[in-house]
Amino acid sequence: MDVTDENFTAEVIGAELPVLVEFTADWCPPCRQMAPVLRALATEEADRLKVVQLNVDQNPETTNAYKVLSMPTFMVFRGGEPVKAMVGARPKRRLLEELADVI
C-alpha cells in the first residue's frame, strides 16, 4: 500500500496495528530489491503488521518531518509514534529479526 503526505496520519499514525513504513524512491535500486520482501512480509504478517510505502520524491512533508535522508529507510510506528528506524536493504529473515521487538 502506498501512503502520501495527505493520508499518512490516517493510515500510519491512526493505525491499530504497528506499521512498517518504507521511505522509498523510484530511482533507488535497493528499494526495488526490497519490493518482493515487503510484499511477502505484508502477506505473511498481516495479522500483526501493516506494511506501507511512501515515495520520498512525491511526499516531501512526511519525508522531512521524519528526517529521512537515505533510501530505503524503514520506520516502525506503534501507537502513532516511531519506535524503530533502519536504513538499507536487508533479507527478509534479518528484517523479521529486527522487527521482533516492536511487533
PDB file of N, CA and C in Angstrom:
ATOM      1  N   MET A   1       0.836  -1.182   0.000  1.00  0.00           N
ATOM      2  CA  MET A   1       0.000   0.000   0.000  1.00  0.00           C
ATOM      3  C   MET A   1       0.879   1.243   0.000  1.00  0.00           C
ATOM      4  N   ASP A   2       0.529   2.190  -0.830  1.00  0.00           N
ATOM      5  CA  ASP A   2       1.234   3.465  -0.861  1.00  0.00           C
ATOM      6  C   ASP A   2       0.535   4.467   0.052  1.00  0.00           C
ATOM      7  N   VAL A   3       1.325   5.224   0.801  1.00  0.00           N
ATOM      8  CA  VAL A   3       0.780   6.318   1.601  1.00  0.00           C
ATOM      9  C   VAL A   3       1.378   7.615   1.081  1.00  0.00           C
ATOM     10  N   THR A   4       0.721   8.709   1.409  1.00  0.00           N
ATOM     11  CA  THR A   4       1.119  10.038   0.941  1.00  0.00           C
ATOM     12  C   THR A   4       1.140  11.012   2.114  1.00  0.00           C
ATOM     13  N   ASP A   5       1.609  12.220   1.837  1.00  0.00           N
ATOM     14  CA  ASP A   5       1.533  13.266   2.863  1.00  0.00           C
ATOM     15  C   ASP A   5       0.091  13.442   3.333  1.00  0.00           C
ATOM     16  N   GLU A   6      -0.853  13.328   2.396  1.00  0.00           N
ATOM     17  CA  GLU A   6      -2.264  13.573   2.707  1.00  0.00           C
ATOM     18  C   GLU A   6      -2.889  12.485   3.588  1.00  0.00           C
ATOM     19  N   ASN A   7      -2.508  11.210   3.395  1.00  0.00           N
ATOM     20  CA  ASN A   7      -3.177  10.157   4.171  1.00  0.00           C
ATOM     21  C   ASN A   7      -2.274   9.496   5.215  1.00  0.00           C
ATOM     22  N   PHE A   8      -1.069  10.027   5.416  1.00  0.00           N
ATOM     23  CA  PHE A   8      -0.131   9.434   6.363  1.00  0.00           C
ATOM     24  C   PHE A   8      -0.718   9.358   7.775  1.00  0.00           C
ATOM     25  N   THR A   9      -1.338  10.413   8.216  1.00  0.00           N
ATOM     26  CA  THR A   9      -1.907  10.418   9.567  1.00  0.00           C
ATOM     27  C   THR A   9      -2.968   9.337   9.718  1.00  0.00           C
ATOM     28  N   ALA A  10      -3.868   9.235   8.773  1.00  0.00           N
ATOM     29  CA  ALA A  10      -4.943   8.245   8.856  1.00  0.00           C
ATOM     30  C   ALA A  10      -4.410   6.824   8.738  1.00  0.00           C
ATOM     31  N   GLU A  11      -3.502   6.590   7.794  1.00  0.00           N
ATOM     32  CA  GLU A  11      -3.054   5.229   7.501  1.00  0.00           C
ATOM     33  C   GLU A  11      -1.940   4.731   8.420  1.00  0.00           C
ATOM     34  N   VAL A  12      -1.124   5.624   8.938  1.00  0.00           N
ATOM     35  CA  VAL A  12       0.021   5.218   9.756  1.00  0.00           C
ATOM     36  C   VAL A  12      -0.168   5.617  11.217  1.00  0.00           C
ATOM     37  N   ILE A  13      -0.335   6.902  11.462  1.00  0.00           N
ATOM     38  CA  ILE A  13      -0.440   7.391  12.836  1.00  0.00           C
ATOM     39  C   ILE A  13      -1.677   6.820  13.522  1.00  0.00           C
ATOM     40  N   GLY A  14      -2.779   6.713  12.790  1.00  0.00           N
ATOM     41  CA  GLY A  14      -4.020   6.222  13.366  1.00  0.00           C
ATOM     42  C   GLY A  14      -4.238   4.724  13.269  1.00  0.00           C
ATOM     43  N   ALA A  15      -3.266   3.985  12.779  1.00  0.00           N
ATOM     44  CA  ALA A  15      -3.435   2.543  12.596  1.00  0.00           C
ATOM     45  C   ALA A  15      -3.459   1.803  13.931  1.00  0.00           C
ATOM     46  N   GLU A  16      -4.269   0.755  13.980  1.00  0.00           N
ATOM     47  CA  GLU A  16      -4.339  -0.071  15.192  1.00  0.00           C
ATOM     48  C   GLU A  16      -3.137  -0.996  15.323  1.00  0.00           C
ATOM     49  N   LEU A  17      -2.678  -1.537  14.197  1.00  0.00           N
ATOM     50  CA  LEU A  17      -1.508  -2.416  14.197  1.00  0.00           C
ATOM     51  C   LEU A  17      -0.234  -1.579  14.110  1.00  0.00           C
ATOM     52  N   PRO A  18       0.904  -2.146  14.501  1.00  0.00           N
ATOM     53  CA  PRO A  18       2.166  -1.483  14.179  1.00  0.00           C
ATOM     54  C   PRO A  18       2.277  -1.354  12.658  1.00  0.00           C
ATOM     55  N   VAL A  19       2.934  -0.295  12.195  1.00  0.00           N
ATOM     56  CA  VAL A  19       3.056  -0.040  10.759  1.00  0.00           C
ATOM     57  C   VAL A  19       4.535   0.066  10.399  1.00  0.00           C
ATOM     58  N   LEU A  20       4.947  -0.722   9.400  1.00  0.00           N
ATOM     59  CA  LEU A  20       6.280  -0.606   8.832  1.00  0.00           C
ATOM     60  C   LEU A  20       6.168   0.283   7.606  1.00  0.00           C
ATOM     61  N   VAL A  21       6.829   1.436   7.646  1.00  0.00           N
ATOM     62  CA  VAL A  21       6.823   2.366   6.522  1.00  0.00           C
ATOM     63  C   VAL A  21       8.173   2.270   5.826  1.00  0.00           C
ATOM     64  N   GLU A  22       8.135   1.999   4.523  1.00  0.00           N
ATOM     65  CA  GLU A  22       9.360   2.073   3.735  1.00  0.00           C
ATOM     66  C   GLU A  22       9.364   3.425   3.031  1.00  0.00           C
ATOM     67  N   PHE A  23      10.339   4.254   3.353  1.00  0.00           N
ATOM     68  CA  PHE A  23      10.548   5.509   2.634  1.00  0.00           C
ATOM     69  C   PHE A  23      11.380   5.129   1.414  1.00  0.00           C
ATOM     70  N   THR A  24      10.825   5.336   0.227  1.00  0.00           N
ATOM     71  CA  THR A  24      11.390   4.794  -0.993  1.00  0.00           C
ATOM     72  C   THR A  24      11.398   5.828  -2.104  1.00  0.00           C
ATOM     73  N   ALA A  25      12.043   5.478  -3.216  1.00  0.00           N
ATOM     74  CA  ALA A  25      12.056   6.330  -4.403  1.00  0.00           C
ATOM     75  C   ALA A  25      12.140   5.430  -5.632  1.00  0.00           C
ATOM     76  N   ASP A  26      11.548   5.883  -6.721  1.00  0.00           N
ATOM     77  CA  ASP A  26      11.553   5.101  -7.959  1.00  0.00           C
ATOM     78  C   ASP A  26      12.964   4.865  -8.477  1.00  0.00           C
ATOM     79  N   TRP A  27      13.872   5.785  -8.239  1.00  0.00           N
ATOM     80  CA  TRP A  27      15.233   5.713  -8.760  1.00  0.00           C
ATOM     81  C   TRP A  27      16.182   4.899  -7.877  1.00  0.00           C
ATOM     82  N   CYS A  28      15.686   4.303  -6.812  1.00  0.00           N
ATOM     83  CA  CYS A  28      16.509   3.637  -5.801  1.00  0.00           C
ATOM     84  C   CYS A  28      16.577   2.121  -6.041  1.00  0.00           C
ATOM     85  N   PRO A  29      17.717   1.604  -6.545  1.00  0.00           N
ATOM     86  CA  PRO A  29      17.825   0.157  -6.778  1.00  0.00           C
ATOM     87  C   PRO A  29      17.618  -0.700  -5.523  1.00  0.00           C
ATOM     88  N   PRO A  30      18.186  -0.348  -4.360  1.00  0.00           N
ATOM     89  CA  PRO A  30      17.927  -1.177  -3.180  1.00  0.00           C
ATOM     90  C   PRO A  30      16.440  -1.187  -2.786  1.00  0.00           C
ATOM     91  N   CYS A  31      15.740  -0.090  -3.079  1.00  0.00           N
ATOM     92  CA  CYS A  31      14.297  -0.042  -2.789  1.00  0.00           C
ATOM     93  C   CYS A  31      13.556  -1.050  -3.664  1.00  0.00           C
ATOM     94  N   ARG A  32      13.916  -1.093  -4.942  1.00  0.00           N
ATOM     95  CA  ARG A  32      13.287  -2.065  -5.850  1.00  0.00           C
ATOM     96  C   ARG A  32      13.607  -3.490  -5.405  1.00  0.00           C
ATOM     97  N   GLN A  33      14.807  -3.694  -4.900  1.00  0.00           N
ATOM     98  CA  GLN A  33      15.216  -5.006  -4.403  1.00  0.00           C
ATOM     99  C   GLN A  33      14.347  -5.429  -3.208  1.00  0.00           C
ATOM    100  N   MET A  34      13.905  -4.483  -2.424  1.00  0.00           N
ATOM    101  CA  MET A  34      13.102  -4.790  -1.232  1.00  0.00           C
ATOM    102  C   MET A  34      11.631  -5.054  -1.545  1.00  0.00           C
ATOM    103  N   ALA A  35      11.166  -4.695  -2.732  1.00  0.00           N
ATOM    104  CA  ALA A  35       9.745  -4.823  -3.060  1.00  0.00           C
ATOM    105  C   ALA A  35       9.199  -6.224  -2.826  1.00  0.00           C
ATOM    106  N   PRO A  36       9.829  -7.301  -3.328  1.00  0.00           N
ATOM    107  CA  PRO A  36       9.267  -8.630  -3.078  1.00  0.00           C
ATOM    108  C   PRO A  36       9.333  -9.037  -1.604  1.00  0.00           C
ATOM    109  N   VAL A  37      10.345  -8.581  -0.906  1.00  0.00           N
ATOM    110  CA  VAL A  37      10.471  -8.865   0.527  1.00  0.00           C
ATOM    111  C   VAL A  37       9.303  -8.235   1.280  1.00  0.00           C
ATOM    112  N   LEU A  38       8.995  -6.984   0.961  1.00  0.00           N
ATOM    113  CA  LEU A  38       7.917  -6.273   1.650  1.00  0.00           C
ATOM    114  C   LEU A  38       6.545  -6.840   1.291  1.00  0.00           C
ATOM    115  N   ARG A  39       6.362  -7.255   0.027  1.00  0.00           N
ATOM    116  CA  ARG A  39       5.092  -7.882  -0.357  1.00  0.00           C
ATOM    117  C   ARG A  39       4.882  -9.171   0.440  1.00  0.00           C
ATOM    118  N   ALA A  40       5.924  -9.986   0.546  1.00  0.00           N
ATOM    119  CA  ALA A  40       5.828 -11.232   1.316  1.00  0.00           C
ATOM    120  C   ALA A  40       5.551 -10.934   2.781  1.00  0.00           C
ATOM    121  N   LEU A  41       6.246  -9.979   3.336  1.00  0.00           N
ATOM    122  CA  LEU A  41       6.057  -9.610   4.736  1.00  0.00           C
ATOM    123  C   LEU A  41       4.641  -9.112   4.983  1.00  0.00           C
ATOM    124  N   ALA A  42       4.127  -8.306   4.073  1.00  0.00           N
ATOM    125  CA  ALA A  42       2.770  -7.776   4.215  1.00  0.00           C
ATOM    126  C   ALA A  42       1.738  -8.903   4.244  1.00  0.00           C
ATOM    127  N   THR A  43       1.959  -9.920   3.448  1.00  0.00           N
ATOM    128  CA  THR A  43       1.029 -11.049   3.404  1.00  0.00           C
ATOM    129  C   THR A  43       1.192 -11.949   4.616  1.00  0.00           C
ATOM    130  N   GLU A  44       2.418 -12.319   4.915  1.00  0.00           N
ATOM    131  CA  GLU A  44       2.697 -13.281   5.986  1.00  0.00           C
ATOM    132  C   GLU A  44       2.430 -12.721   7.382  1.00  0.00           C
ATOM    133  N   GLU A  45       2.594 -11.441   7.568  1.00  0.00           N
ATOM    134  CA  GLU A  45       2.447 -10.829   8.898  1.00  0.00           C
ATOM    135  C   GLU A  45       1.224  -9.917   8.984  1.00  0.00           C
ATOM    136  N   ALA A  46       0.254 -10.094   8.104  1.00  0.00           N
ATOM    137  CA  ALA A  46      -0.902  -9.186   8.014  1.00  0.00           C
ATOM    138  C   ALA A  46      -1.681  -9.074   9.320  1.00  0.00           C
ATOM    139  N   ASP A  47      -1.663 -10.096  10.147  1.00  0.00           N
ATOM    140  CA  ASP A  47      -2.398 -10.040  11.412  1.00  0.00           C
ATOM    141  C   ASP A  47      -1.634  -9.294  12.504  1.00  0.00           C
ATOM    142  N   ARG A  48      -0.324  -9.038  12.278  1.00  0.00           N
ATOM    143  CA  ARG A  48       0.493  -8.367  13.290  1.00  0.00           C
ATOM    144  C   ARG A  48       1.111  -7.055  12.838  1.00  0.00           C
ATOM    145  N   LEU A  49       1.136  -6.811  11.514  1.00  0.00           N
ATOM    146  CA  LEU A  49       1.894  -5.673  10.993  1.00  0.00           C
ATOM    147  C   LEU A  49       1.279  -5.168   9.697  1.00  0.00           C
ATOM    148  N   LYS A  50       1.168  -3.867   9.587  1.00  0.00           N
ATOM    149  CA  LYS A  50       0.747  -3.224   8.345  1.00  0.00           C
ATOM    150  C   LYS A  50       2.012  -2.723   7.654  1.00  0.00           C
ATOM    151  N   VAL A  51       2.140  -2.975   6.355  1.00  0.00           N
ATOM    152  CA  VAL A  51       3.326  -2.574   5.600  1.00  0.00           C
ATOM    153  C   VAL A  51       2.907  -1.586   4.519  1.00  0.00           C
ATOM    154  N   VAL A  52       3.564  -0.414   4.495  1.00  0.00           N
ATOM    155  CA  VAL A  52       3.240   0.621   3.512  1.00  0.00           C
ATOM    156  C   VAL A  52       4.520   1.218   2.950  1.00  0.00           C
ATOM    157  N   GLN A  53       4.375   1.919   1.816  1.00  0.00           N
ATOM    158  CA  GLN A  53       5.486   2.630   1.199  1.00  0.00           C
ATOM    159  C   GLN A  53       5.129   4.108   1.057  1.00  0.00           C
ATOM    160  N   LEU A  54       6.141   4.952   1.198  1.00  0.00           N
ATOM    161  CA  LEU A  54       5.965   6.378   0.974  1.00  0.00           C
ATOM    162  C   LEU A  54       7.058   6.827   0.018  1.00  0.00           C
ATOM    163  N   ASN A  55       6.677   7.359  -1.131  1.00  0.00           N
ATOM    164  CA  ASN A  55       7.633   7.852  -2.123  1.00  0.00           C
ATOM    165  C   ASN A  55       8.155   9.213  -1.649  1.00  0.00           C
ATOM    166  N   VAL A  56       9.450   9.277  -1.386  1.00  0.00           N
ATOM    167  CA  VAL A  56      10.027  10.493  -0.807  1.00  0.00           C
ATOM    168  C   VAL A  56       9.998  11.676  -1.766  1.00  0.00           C
ATOM    169  N   ASP A  57      10.096  11.403  -3.066  1.00  0.00           N
ATOM    170  CA  ASP A  57      10.082  12.487  -4.040  1.00  0.00           C
ATOM    171  C   ASP A  57       8.713  13.131  -4.166  1.00  0.00           C
ATOM    172  N   GLN A  58       7.677  12.353  -3.989  1.00  0.00           N
ATOM    173  CA  GLN A  58       6.306  12.849  -4.131  1.00  0.00           C
ATOM    174  C   GLN A  58       5.698  13.318  -2.813  1.00  0.00           C
ATOM    175  N   ASN A  59       6.372  13.048  -1.690  1.00  0.00           N
ATOM    176  CA  ASN A  59       5.808  13.355  -0.370  1.00  0.00           C
ATOM    177  C   ASN A  59       6.862  13.984   0.538  1.00  0.00           C
ATOM    178  N   PRO A  60       7.288  15.202   0.223  1.00  0.00           N
ATOM    179  CA  PRO A  60       8.371  15.827   0.975  1.00  0.00           C
ATOM    180  C   PRO A  60       8.012  16.203   2.411  1.00  0.00           C
ATOM    181  N   GLU A  61       6.752  16.496   2.684  1.00  0.00           N
ATOM    182  CA  GLU A  61       6.389  16.900   4.055  1.00  0.00           C
ATOM    183  C   GLU A  61       6.693  15.800   5.061  1.00  0.00           C
ATOM    184  N   THR A  62       6.207  14.613   4.790  1.00  0.00           N
ATOM    185  CA  THR A  62       6.419  13.491   5.712  1.00  0.00           C
ATOM    186  C   THR A  62       7.891  13.105   5.742  1.00  0.00           C
ATOM    187  N   THR A  63       8.523  13.082   4.577  1.00  0.00           N
ATOM    188  CA  THR A  63       9.949  12.746   4.492  1.00  0.00           C
ATOM    189  C   THR A  63      10.767  13.696   5.361  1.00  0.00           C
ATOM    190  N   ASN A  64      10.510  14.972   5.254  1.00  0.00           N
ATOM    191  CA  ASN A  64      11.243  15.968   6.043  1.00  0.00           C
ATOM    192  C   ASN A  64      10.884  15.899   7.523  1.00  0.00           C
ATOM    193  N   ALA A  65       9.624  15.646   7.823  1.00  0.00           N
ATOM    194  CA  ALA A  65       9.188  15.589   9.227  1.00  0.00           C
ATOM    195  C   ALA A  65       9.933  14.500  10.000  1.00  0.00           C
ATOM    196  N   TYR A  66      10.250  13.387   9.320  1.00  0.00           N
ATOM    197  CA  TYR A  66      10.944  12.285   9.988  1.00  0.00           C
ATOM    198  C   TYR A  66      12.427  12.240   9.639  1.00  0.00           C
ATOM    199  N   LYS A  67      12.910  13.312   9.022  1.00  0.00           N
ATOM    200  CA  LYS A  67      14.340  13.497   8.742  1.00  0.00           C
ATOM    201  C   LYS A  67      14.951  12.320   7.977  1.00  0.00           C
ATOM    202  N   VAL A  68      14.228  11.847   6.972  1.00  0.00           N
ATOM    203  CA  VAL A  68      14.704  10.731   6.157  1.00  0.00           C
ATOM    204  C   VAL A  68      15.677  11.270   5.109  1.00  0.00           C
ATOM    205  N   LEU A  69      16.892  10.719   5.097  1.00  0.00           N
ATOM    206  CA  LEU A  69      17.929  11.176   4.175  1.00  0.00           C
ATOM    207  C   LEU A  69      18.407  10.088   3.230  1.00  0.00           C
ATOM    208  N   SER A  70      18.216   8.831   3.583  1.00  0.00           N
ATOM    209  CA  SER A  70      18.704   7.707   2.772  1.00  0.00           C
ATOM    210  C   SER A  70      17.561   6.769   2.446  1.00  0.00           C
ATOM    211  N   MET A  71      17.684   6.107   1.286  1.00  0.00           N
ATOM    212  CA  MET A  71      16.676   5.154   0.879  1.00  0.00           C
ATOM    213  C   MET A  71      17.323   3.799   0.641  1.00  0.00           C
ATOM    214  N   PRO A  72      16.638   2.740   1.002  1.00  0.00           N
ATOM    215  CA  PRO A  72      15.379   2.763   1.728  1.00  0.00           C
ATOM    216  C   PRO A  72      15.612   2.995   3.222  1.00  0.00           C
ATOM    217  N   THR A  73      14.719   3.752   3.822  1.00  0.00           N
ATOM    218  CA  THR A  73      14.644   3.874   5.270  1.00  0.00           C
ATOM    219  C   THR A  73      13.353   3.210   5.697  1.00  0.00           C
ATOM    220  N   PHE A  74      13.437   2.389   6.717  1.00  0.00           N
ATOM    221  CA  PHE A  74      12.262   1.728   7.275  1.00  0.00           C
ATOM    222  C   PHE A  74      12.015   2.298   8.658  1.00  0.00           C
ATOM    223  N   MET A  75      10.774   2.668   8.928  1.00  0.00           N
ATOM    224  CA  MET A  75      10.385   3.117  10.264  1.00  0.00           C
ATOM    225  C   MET A  75       9.175   2.327  10.690  1.00  0.00           C
ATOM    226  N   VAL A  76       9.201   1.911  11.951  1.00  0.00           N
ATOM    227  CA  VAL A  76       8.050   1.231  12.529  1.00  0.00           C
ATOM    228  C   VAL A  76       7.348   2.221  13.442  1.00  0.00           C
ATOM    229  N   PHE A  77       6.050   2.366  13.218  1.00  0.00           N
ATOM    230  CA  PHE A  77       5.206   3.232  14.042  1.00  0.00           C
ATOM    231  C   PHE A  77       4.278   2.345  14.855  1.00  0.00           C
ATOM    232  N   ARG A  78       4.194   2.626  16.142  1.00  0.00           N
ATOM    233  CA  ARG A  78       3.274   1.908  17.016  1.00  0.00           C
ATOM    234  C   ARG A  78       2.608   2.947  17.914  1.00  0.00           C
ATOM    235  N   GLY A  79       1.291   2.905  17.963  1.00  0.00           N
ATOM    236  CA  GLY A  79       0.574   3.884  18.761  1.00  0.00           C
ATOM    237  C   GLY A  79       0.789   5.300  18.265  1.00  0.00           C
ATOM    238  N   GLY A  80       1.040   5.457  16.964  1.00  0.00           N
ATOM    239  CA  GLY A  80       1.213   6.774  16.379  1.00  0.00           C
ATOM    240  C   GLY A  80       2.609   7.355  16.488  1.00  0.00           C
ATOM    241  N   GLU A  81       3.521   6.625  17.104  1.00  0.00           N
ATOM    242  CA  GLU A  81       4.883   7.130  17.301  1.00  0.00           C
ATOM    243  C   GLU A  81       5.905   6.229  16.611  1.00  0.00           C
ATOM    244  N   PRO A  82       6.979   6.818  16.075  1.00  0.00           N
ATOM    245  CA  PRO A  82       8.049   5.977  15.524  1.00  0.00           C
ATOM    246  C   PRO A  82       8.803   5.294  16.666  1.00  0.00           C
ATOM    247  N   VAL A  83       8.935   3.977  16.577  1.00  0.00           N
ATOM    248  CA  VAL A  83       9.599   3.230  17.642  1.00  0.00           C
ATOM    249  C   VAL A  83      10.886   2.558  17.182  1.00  0.00           C
ATOM    250  N   LYS A  84      11.118   2.534  15.870  1.00  0.00           N
ATOM    251  CA  LYS A  84      12.335   1.920  15.355  1.00  0.00           C
ATOM    252  C   LYS A  84      12.597   2.450  13.954  1.00  0.00           C
ATOM    253  N   ALA A  85      13.872   2.636  13.615  1.00  0.00           N
ATOM    254  CA  ALA A  85      14.268   3.054  12.273  1.00  0.00           C
ATOM    255  C   ALA A  85      15.453   2.207  11.827  1.00  0.00           C
ATOM    256  N   MET A  86      15.447   1.852  10.549  1.00  0.00           N
ATOM    257  CA  MET A  86      16.516   1.058   9.953  1.00  0.00           C
ATOM    258  C   MET A  86      16.783   1.613   8.560  1.00  0.00           C
ATOM    259  N   VAL A  87      18.025   1.603   8.131  1.00  0.00           N
ATOM    260  CA  VAL A  87      18.382   2.122   6.815  1.00  0.00           C
ATOM    261  C   VAL A  87      19.075   1.024   6.021  1.00  0.00           C
ATOM    262  N   GLY A  88      18.652   0.868   4.764  1.00  0.00           N
ATOM    263  CA  GLY A  88      19.322  -0.060   3.858  1.00  0.00           C
ATOM    264  C   GLY A  88      18.540  -1.337   3.627  1.00  0.00           C
ATOM    265  N   ALA A  89      18.791  -1.933   2.462  1.00  0.00           N
ATOM    266  CA  ALA A  89      18.153  -3.195   2.098  1.00  0.00           C
ATOM    267  C   ALA A  89      18.688  -4.316   2.985  1.00  0.00           C
ATOM    268  N   ARG A  90      17.848  -5.316   3.210  1.00  0.00           N
ATOM    269  CA  ARG A  90      18.232  -6.470   4.002  1.00  0.00           C
ATOM    270  C   ARG A  90      17.350  -7.646   3.628  1.00  0.00           C
ATOM    271  N   PRO A  91      17.804  -8.873   3.866  1.00  0.00           N
ATOM    272  CA  PRO A  91      16.966 -10.031   3.579  1.00  0.00           C
ATOM    273  C   PRO A  91      15.766 -10.093   4.530  1.00  0.00           C
ATOM    274  N   LYS A  92      14.740 -10.792   4.103  1.00  0.00           N
ATOM    275  CA  LYS A  92      13.509 -10.881   4.896  1.00  0.00           C
ATOM    276  C   LYS A  92      13.779 -11.421   6.294  1.00  0.00           C
ATOM    277  N   ARG A  93      14.595 -12.455   6.411  1.00  0.00           N
ATOM    278  CA  ARG A  93      14.874 -13.051   7.722  1.00  0.00           C
ATOM    279  C   ARG A  93      15.470 -12.021   8.678  1.00  0.00           C
ATOM    280  N   ARG A  94      16.433 -11.246   8.181  1.00  0.00           N
ATOM    281  CA  ARG A  94      17.056 -10.225   9.029  1.00  0.00           C
ATOM    282  C   ARG A  94      16.057  -9.135   9.402  1.00  0.00           C
ATOM    283  N   LEU A  95      15.229  -8.729   8.438  1.00  0.00           N
ATOM    284  CA  LEU A  95      14.220  -7.712   8.717  1.00  0.00           C
ATOM    285  C   LEU A  95      13.268  -8.204   9.798  1.00  0.00           C
ATOM    286  N   LEU A  96      12.839  -9.447   9.710  1.00  0.00           N
ATOM    287  CA  LEU A  96      11.953 -10.012  10.733  1.00  0.00           C
ATOM    288  C   LEU A  96      12.627 -10.049  12.095  1.00  0.00           C
ATOM    289  N   GLU A  97      13.896 -10.398  12.126  1.00  0.00           N
ATOM    290  CA  GLU A  97      14.643 -10.413  13.395  1.00  0.00           C
ATOM    291  C   GLU A  97      14.677  -9.012  14.003  1.00  0.00           C
ATOM    292  N   GLU A  98      14.899  -8.005  13.156  1.00  0.00           N
ATOM    293  CA  GLU A  98      14.976  -6.637  13.653  1.00  0.00           C
ATOM    294  C   GLU A  98      13.618  -6.096  14.091  1.00  0.00           C
ATOM    295  N   LEU A  99      12.561  -6.649  13.534  1.00  0.00           N
ATOM    296  CA  LEU A  99      11.201  -6.207  13.883  1.00  0.00           C
ATOM    297  C   LEU A  99      10.648  -6.941  15.108  1.00  0.00           C
ATOM    298  N   ALA A 100      11.288  -8.015  15.509  1.00  0.00           N
ATOM    299  CA  ALA A 100      10.742  -8.886  16.566  1.00  0.00           C
ATOM    300  C   ALA A 100      10.418  -8.139  17.854  1.00  0.00           C
ATOM    301  N   ASP A 101      11.184  -7.138  18.195  1.00  0.00           N
ATOM    302  CA  ASP A 101      10.950  -6.448  19.470  1.00  0.00           C
ATOM    303  C   ASP A 101       9.883  -5.341  19.380  1.00  0.00           C
ATOM    304  N   VAL A 102       9.361  -5.082  18.166  1.00  0.00           N
ATOM    305  CA  VAL A 102       8.381  -3.998  18.037  1.00  0.00           C
ATOM    306  C   VAL A 102       7.042  -4.435  17.447  1.00  0.00           C
ATOM    307  N   ILE A 103       6.932  -5.684  17.023  1.00  0.00           N
ATOM    308  CA  ILE A 103       5.627  -6.142  16.521  1.00  0.00           C
ATOM    309  C   ILE A 103       5.099  -7.283  17.378  1.00  0.00           C
TER     310      ILE A 103
END
